Amino acid sequence: MNIVNTIIPIFFVIALGWAARKRNWMPDTFLDPANRLVYNLAIPAMIFKAIYRTPLKSNINITVLAITLISVCVTAVLVWLASNFMKVRFTRGTFIQSSLHGNLGYIGFAVSFYYLGREGLVKASLIAGFLMIFQNFLSVVALQLYSGDTRKDKRSIWFLAKKIMSNPVIVSAMIGIVFSLTGLKIPSVINRILEIISSFALPLALLIIGASLSFKVVRSRPLLLCASSIFKLIILPGLGMFLFRIFDVSQDILLPGLILLASPTATIACVMAKEMNGDTDFAVAAVSLNTLLSAFTYTWWLHFAKP
């Protein structure tokens, strides 16, 4: 019942965002600044507040972190091998990225928080800091290798460095870790400000996800999109779950890692595809389809993870 009580409300809010966009209640003039507000301010405030006052030794598990990263690495090899059968160069890079780059900051954190509570969000945030760096690295490598622009463009190197070093979620997690390890305290007035700002992070993020969905391109390339969905929503979390079982990781410890692995394609994949001459239409379709399907795959994985 807890799974149903988590998944249905989350994806109902996403559906509300989609409906609001259809009725023009959330136009582009609202979506872009709202997305920047959530991504650069609200989510980082929520992550920092959750981490800084939490004992890290009891909330980070090296085995779970290692299995999560290994699962992404192995899946990346499988996706790359599968992409060898694709003829269109710039779609190949976007296919690889869409099959690996999960929406950790919005949907992954939402499921972690509403299913596992604040403690689960902390554990997921610590894993996500490392996973985001790895995801961005693999995405940029794939997009650069199979870019539609065949010119040698060193911008991609700086693009990767900038994305990693300036990622607000990563930065806020690192600062939160410093505060937690050093025992530094923040004034109560600052803490109250963080609570107010972070309170609208997940609800608004879910509305934005829904408003960003577009299914126009799905019909044009159904086989490629289905393949991407299988890699992202089934093979990647399935491999992680297999390794968790092999190493006898308990349910309460593995769940944050599994939730992050099972997250649908990140919306930032569309931005990166556009910036690095990838297939933007395919990225938009993959984000939309995988977000829709993840309502069902999340229900399955959370149910399957039960002892």
Protein backbone atom coordinates (compact mmCIF):
# COMPACT_ATOMS: atom_id res chain seq x y z
CA MET A 1 0.00 0.00 0.00
CA ASN A 2 2.90 2.37 0.73
CA ILE A 3 4.09 1.92 -2.87
CA VAL A 4 0.67 2.89 -4.26
CA ASN A 5 0.42 5.82 -1.85
CA THR A 6 3.79 7.05 -3.13
CA ILE A 7 3.63 6.47 -6.88
CA ILE A 8 0.06 7.55 -7.63
CA PRO A 9 0.29 10.99 -5.96
CA ILE A 10 3.68 11.72 -7.56
CA PHE A 11 2.54 10.92 -11.08
CA PHE A 12 -0.85 12.54 -10.52
CA VAL A 13 0.96 15.81 -9.87
CA ILE A 14 3.03 15.21 -13.04
CA ALA A 15 -0.24 14.68 -14.94
CA LEU A 16 -1.56 17.93 -13.48
CA GLY A 17 1.50 19.70 -14.89
CA TRP A 18 0.82 18.19 -18.32
CA ALA A 19 -2.85 19.26 -18.16
CA ALA A 20 -1.91 22.75 -17.00
CA ARG A 21 0.43 23.11 -19.97
CA LYS A 22 -2.35 21.99 -22.34
CA ARG A 23 -4.63 24.70 -20.94
CA ASN A 24 -1.81 27.23 -21.16
CA TRP A 25 -1.73 27.73 -17.41
CA MET A 26 1.99 26.98 -17.50
CA PRO A 27 3.31 28.61 -20.70
CA ASP A 28 6.97 28.72 -21.80
CA THR A 29 7.32 32.16 -20.23
CA PHE A 30 6.61 30.50 -16.87
CA LEU A 31 8.30 27.13 -17.36
CA ASP A 32 11.84 28.29 -18.09
CA PRO A 33 12.22 30.64 -15.07
CA ALA A 34 10.34 28.21 -12.82
CA ASN A 35 12.68 25.40 -13.84
CA ARG A 36 15.73 27.58 -13.11
CA LEU A 37 14.24 28.50 -9.72
CA VAL A 38 13.69 24.87 -8.72
CA TYR A 39 16.95 23.54 -10.14
CA ASN A 40 19.23 26.31 -8.86
CA LEU A 41 17.57 27.21 -5.57
CA ALA A 42 14.79 25.01 -4.17
CA ILE A 43 16.29 21.53 -4.78
CA PRO A 44 19.80 22.58 -3.56
CA ALA A 45 18.25 24.12 -0.42
CA MET A 46 16.35 20.89 0.25
CA ILE A 47 19.46 18.72 -0.26
CA PHE A 48 21.70 20.91 1.90
CA LYS A 49 19.13 21.05 4.71
CA ALA A 50 18.69 17.27 4.63
CA ILE A 51 22.43 16.47 4.68
CA TYR A 52 24.08 19.04 6.91
CA ARG A 53 22.48 17.92 10.15
CA THR A 54 22.73 14.18 9.47
CA PRO A 55 25.53 11.84 10.67
CA LEU A 56 27.12 10.71 7.40
CA LYS A 57 28.75 7.50 8.64
CA SER A 58 25.36 5.94 9.27
CA ASN A 59 23.81 7.17 6.01
CA ILE A 60 26.28 6.32 3.25
CA ASN A 61 26.99 2.74 2.28
CA ILE A 62 30.08 2.17 0.14
CA THR A 63 28.74 -1.14 -1.20
CA VAL A 64 25.52 0.47 -2.46
CA LEU A 65 27.46 3.37 -3.97
CA ALA A 66 29.88 1.02 -5.74
CA ILE A 67 27.10 -1.22 -7.07
CA THR A 68 25.17 1.81 -8.34
CA LEU A 69 28.16 3.13 -10.29
CA ILE A 70 29.13 -0.33 -11.58
CA SER A 71 25.57 -0.90 -12.81
CA VAL A 72 25.68 2.32 -14.83
CA CYS A 73 29.10 1.44 -16.22
CA VAL A 74 28.08 -2.07 -17.36
CA THR A 75 24.82 -0.78 -18.85
CA ALA A 76 26.79 1.91 -20.70
CA VAL A 77 28.83 -0.81 -22.40
CA LEU A 78 25.66 -2.71 -23.38
CA VAL A 79 24.00 0.46 -24.71
CA TRP A 80 27.10 1.37 -26.71
CA LEU A 81 27.20 -2.11 -28.28
CA ALA A 82 23.52 -1.86 -29.18
CA SER A 83 24.05 1.57 -30.72
CA ASN A 84 26.46 0.06 -33.27
CA PHE A 85 23.40 -1.00 -35.29
CA MET A 86 22.25 2.61 -35.67
CA LYS A 87 23.02 4.43 -38.90
CA VAL A 88 22.30 8.05 -37.92
CA ARG A 89 25.38 9.40 -36.15
CA PHE A 90 23.92 12.20 -34.03
CA THR A 91 20.98 10.03 -32.90
CA ARG A 92 23.44 7.41 -31.65
CA GLY A 93 24.97 9.73 -29.05
CA THR A 94 21.55 10.88 -27.87
CA PHE A 95 20.34 7.26 -27.68
CA ILE A 96 23.26 6.37 -25.39
CA GLN A 97 22.66 9.40 -23.19
CA SER A 98 18.89 8.85 -22.97
CA SER A 99 19.45 5.22 -21.92
CA LEU A 100 21.74 6.16 -19.02
CA HIS A 101 21.12 9.69 -17.77
CA GLY A 102 18.49 9.47 -15.02
CA ASN A 103 16.30 12.23 -13.61
CA LEU A 104 17.75 12.10 -10.10
CA GLY A 105 17.12 15.67 -8.98
CA TYR A 106 13.40 15.77 -9.65
CA ILE A 107 11.80 12.34 -9.84
CA GLY A 108 14.50 10.28 -8.10
CA PHE A 109 14.52 12.57 -5.07
CA ALA A 110 10.71 12.82 -5.04
CA VAL A 111 10.27 9.03 -4.90
CA SER A 112 13.06 8.74 -2.29
CA PHE A 113 11.48 11.37 -0.06
CA TYR A 114 7.84 10.34 -0.31
CA TYR A 115 8.60 6.61 -0.07
CA LEU A 116 11.52 6.56 2.38
CA GLY A 117 11.19 9.88 4.24
CA ARG A 118 13.90 12.40 5.10
CA GLU A 119 16.45 9.72 5.98
CA GLY A 120 15.93 8.07 2.60
CA LEU A 121 16.34 11.42 0.86
CA VAL A 122 19.67 11.94 2.63
CA LYS A 123 20.97 8.54 1.54
CA ALA A 124 19.79 9.12 -2.02
CA SER A 125 21.38 12.58 -2.10
CA LEU A 126 24.78 11.25 -1.06
CA ILE A 127 24.70 8.59 -3.78
CA ALA A 128 23.31 11.05 -6.34
CA GLY A 129 26.24 13.43 -5.90
CA PHE A 130 28.64 10.79 -7.27
CA LEU A 131 26.14 9.36 -9.76
CA MET A 132 25.45 12.78 -11.30
CA ILE A 133 29.14 13.33 -11.99
CA PHE A 134 29.41 9.91 -13.65
CA GLN A 135 26.19 10.40 -15.66
CA ASN A 136 27.30 13.78 -16.96
CA PHE A 137 30.70 12.40 -17.92
CA LEU A 138 29.24 9.47 -19.88
CA SER A 139 26.65 11.71 -21.54
CA VAL A 140 29.18 14.26 -22.75
CA VAL A 141 31.52 11.54 -24.03
CA ALA A 142 28.69 9.88 -26.00
CA LEU A 143 27.39 13.16 -27.42
CA GLN A 144 30.87 14.30 -28.41
CA LEU A 145 31.84 10.99 -30.04
CA TYR A 146 28.70 10.93 -32.18
CA SER A 147 28.01 14.62 -32.57
CA GLY A 148 26.22 15.82 -35.68
CA ASP A 149 28.94 18.43 -35.97
CA THR A 150 32.05 16.66 -37.24
CA ARG A 151 34.34 19.60 -36.51
CA LYS A 152 36.77 19.21 -33.63
CA ASP A 153 35.21 21.31 -30.94
CA LYS A 154 37.00 21.49 -27.61
CA ARG A 155 34.02 23.23 -26.11
CA SER A 156 32.73 19.84 -24.98
CA ILE A 157 35.60 19.44 -22.51
CA TRP A 158 34.79 22.75 -20.90
CA PHE A 159 31.09 21.95 -21.16
CA LEU A 160 31.65 18.81 -19.08
CA ALA A 161 33.81 20.58 -16.50
CA LYS A 162 31.32 23.44 -16.21
CA LYS A 163 28.34 21.12 -15.87
CA ILE A 164 29.99 19.15 -13.08
CA MET A 165 31.54 22.02 -11.14
CA SER A 166 28.46 24.26 -11.37
CA ASN A 167 25.78 21.61 -10.86
CA PRO A 168 23.71 23.09 -7.98
CA VAL A 169 22.71 19.69 -6.58
CA ILE A 170 26.31 18.47 -6.47
CA VAL A 171 27.54 21.74 -4.96
CA SER A 172 24.82 21.79 -2.29
CA ALA A 173 25.50 18.13 -1.41
CA MET A 174 29.23 18.78 -1.06
CA ILE A 175 28.64 21.85 1.15
CA GLY A 176 26.17 19.86 3.24
CA ILE A 177 28.77 17.10 3.69
CA VAL A 178 31.34 19.69 4.88
CA PHE A 179 28.88 21.09 7.42
CA SER A 180 27.99 17.60 8.61
CA LEU A 181 31.59 16.45 9.01
CA THR A 182 32.77 19.64 10.74
CA GLY A 183 29.72 20.05 12.95
CA LEU A 184 29.16 23.61 11.78
CA LYS A 185 25.80 25.11 12.68
CA ILE A 186 23.70 27.63 10.81
CA PRO A 187 21.56 30.31 12.51
CA SER A 188 17.96 29.34 13.17
CA VAL A 189 16.70 32.13 10.91
CA ILE A 190 18.72 30.70 7.99
CA ASN A 191 17.41 27.24 8.77
CA ARG A 192 13.84 28.56 8.64
CA ILE A 193 14.53 30.24 5.30
CA LEU A 194 15.87 26.95 3.93
CA GLU A 195 12.74 25.14 5.13
CA ILE A 196 10.46 27.61 3.35
CA ILE A 197 12.44 27.52 0.10
CA SER A 198 12.81 23.74 0.07
CA SER A 199 9.12 23.19 0.80
CA PHE A 200 8.13 24.01 -2.78
CA ALA A 201 11.02 22.10 -4.40
CA LEU A 202 9.42 18.73 -5.14
CA PRO A 203 5.80 19.78 -5.87
CA LEU A 204 6.88 22.45 -8.36
CA ALA A 205 9.52 20.15 -9.86
CA LEU A 206 6.88 17.50 -10.57
CA LEU A 207 4.55 20.06 -12.16
CA ILE A 208 7.40 21.25 -14.40
CA ILE A 209 8.19 17.67 -15.44
CA GLY A 210 4.57 17.16 -16.47
CA ALA A 211 4.41 20.45 -18.35
CA SER A 212 7.58 19.54 -20.27
CA LEU A 213 6.27 16.24 -21.64
CA SER A 214 5.75 15.93 -25.40
CA PHE A 215 4.68 12.78 -27.23
CA LYS A 216 4.66 14.08 -30.82
CA VAL A 217 7.92 12.37 -31.83
CA VAL A 218 7.21 9.03 -30.11
CA ARG A 219 5.31 7.64 -33.10
CA SER A 220 8.13 8.35 -35.57
CA ARG A 221 10.79 6.14 -33.91
CA PRO A 222 8.99 3.65 -31.65
CA LEU A 223 11.60 0.87 -31.82
CA LEU A 224 14.55 3.07 -30.81
CA LEU A 225 12.52 4.70 -28.04
CA CYS A 226 11.37 1.32 -26.72
CA ALA A 227 14.98 0.10 -26.72
CA SER A 228 16.07 3.18 -24.78
CA SER A 229 13.25 2.64 -22.28
CA ILE A 230 14.21 -1.00 -21.78
CA PHE A 231 17.82 -0.08 -21.05
CA LYS A 232 16.94 2.81 -18.74
CA LEU A 233 13.96 1.44 -16.83
CA ILE A 234 14.53 -2.33 -16.83
CA ILE A 235 18.11 -3.38 -17.56
CA LEU A 236 19.87 -0.67 -15.51
CA PRO A 237 17.85 -1.07 -12.28
CA GLY A 238 17.63 -4.83 -12.93
CA LEU A 239 21.41 -5.13 -13.01
CA GLY A 240 21.65 -3.07 -9.83
CA MET A 241 19.05 -5.24 -8.11
CA PHE A 242 20.89 -8.39 -9.21
CA LEU A 243 24.16 -7.12 -7.68
CA PHE A 244 22.39 -5.99 -4.50
CA ARG A 245 21.08 -9.52 -4.07
CA ILE A 246 24.44 -11.12 -4.90
CA PHE A 247 26.12 -9.04 -2.19
CA ASP A 248 23.23 -9.61 0.22
CA VAL A 249 22.45 -5.91 0.70
CA SER A 250 19.41 -5.42 2.92
CA GLN A 251 16.25 -3.78 1.61
CA ASP A 252 16.43 -0.59 3.69
CA ILE A 253 20.01 0.04 2.52
CA LEU A 254 19.60 -0.75 -1.19
CA LEU A 255 16.35 1.15 -1.83
CA PRO A 256 17.88 4.65 -2.31
CA GLY A 257 20.31 3.28 -4.89
CA LEU A 258 17.59 1.29 -6.67
CA ILE A 259 15.27 4.31 -6.81
CA LEU A 260 17.99 6.41 -8.45
CA LEU A 261 18.87 3.68 -10.95
CA ALA A 262 15.19 3.29 -11.88
CA SER A 263 14.65 7.00 -12.55
CA PRO A 264 13.50 7.95 -16.08
CA THR A 265 15.60 9.93 -18.55
CA ALA A 266 16.58 13.36 -17.21
CA THR A 267 15.10 16.48 -18.78
CA ILE A 268 18.62 17.94 -18.93
CA ALA A 269 19.28 15.35 -21.66
CA CYS A 270 17.31 17.58 -24.05
CA VAL A 271 19.45 20.60 -23.21
CA MET A 272 22.70 18.67 -23.58
CA ALA A 273 21.60 17.16 -26.90
CA LYS A 274 20.85 20.63 -28.21
CA GLU A 275 24.11 22.11 -26.92
CA MET A 276 26.27 19.32 -28.37
CA ASN A 277 24.60 18.78 -31.76
CA GLY A 278 22.69 15.66 -30.80
CA ASP A 279 19.18 14.56 -31.71
CA THR A 280 17.03 16.91 -29.63
CA ASP A 281 13.72 15.47 -30.88
CA PHE A 282 14.74 11.98 -29.82
CA ALA A 283 15.80 13.26 -26.38
CA VAL A 284 12.45 15.00 -25.84
CA ALA A 285 10.57 11.85 -26.88
CA ALA A 286 12.74 9.63 -24.64
CA VAL A 287 12.20 11.89 -21.62
CA SER A 288 8.44 11.95 -22.20
CA LEU A 289 8.01 8.22 -22.81
CA ASN A 290 10.32 7.09 -20.00
CA THR A 291 8.69 9.46 -17.52
CA LEU A 292 5.28 8.00 -18.36
CA LEU A 293 6.50 4.38 -18.20
CA SER A 294 8.39 4.93 -14.95
CA ALA A 295 5.09 5.14 -13.07
CA PHE A 296 4.69 1.43 -13.79
CA THR A 297 8.35 0.38 -13.55
CA TYR A 298 8.80 2.19 -10.23
CA THR A 299 5.79 0.31 -8.85
CA TRP A 300 7.30 -2.97 -10.04
CA TRP A 301 10.82 -2.36 -8.72
CA LEU A 302 9.66 -1.15 -5.31
CA HIS A 303 7.38 -4.18 -5.03
CA PHE A 304 10.13 -6.53 -6.23
CA ALA A 305 12.59 -5.11 -3.68
CA LYS A 306 10.40 -6.21 -0.81
CA PRO A 307 11.90 -9.16 1.11
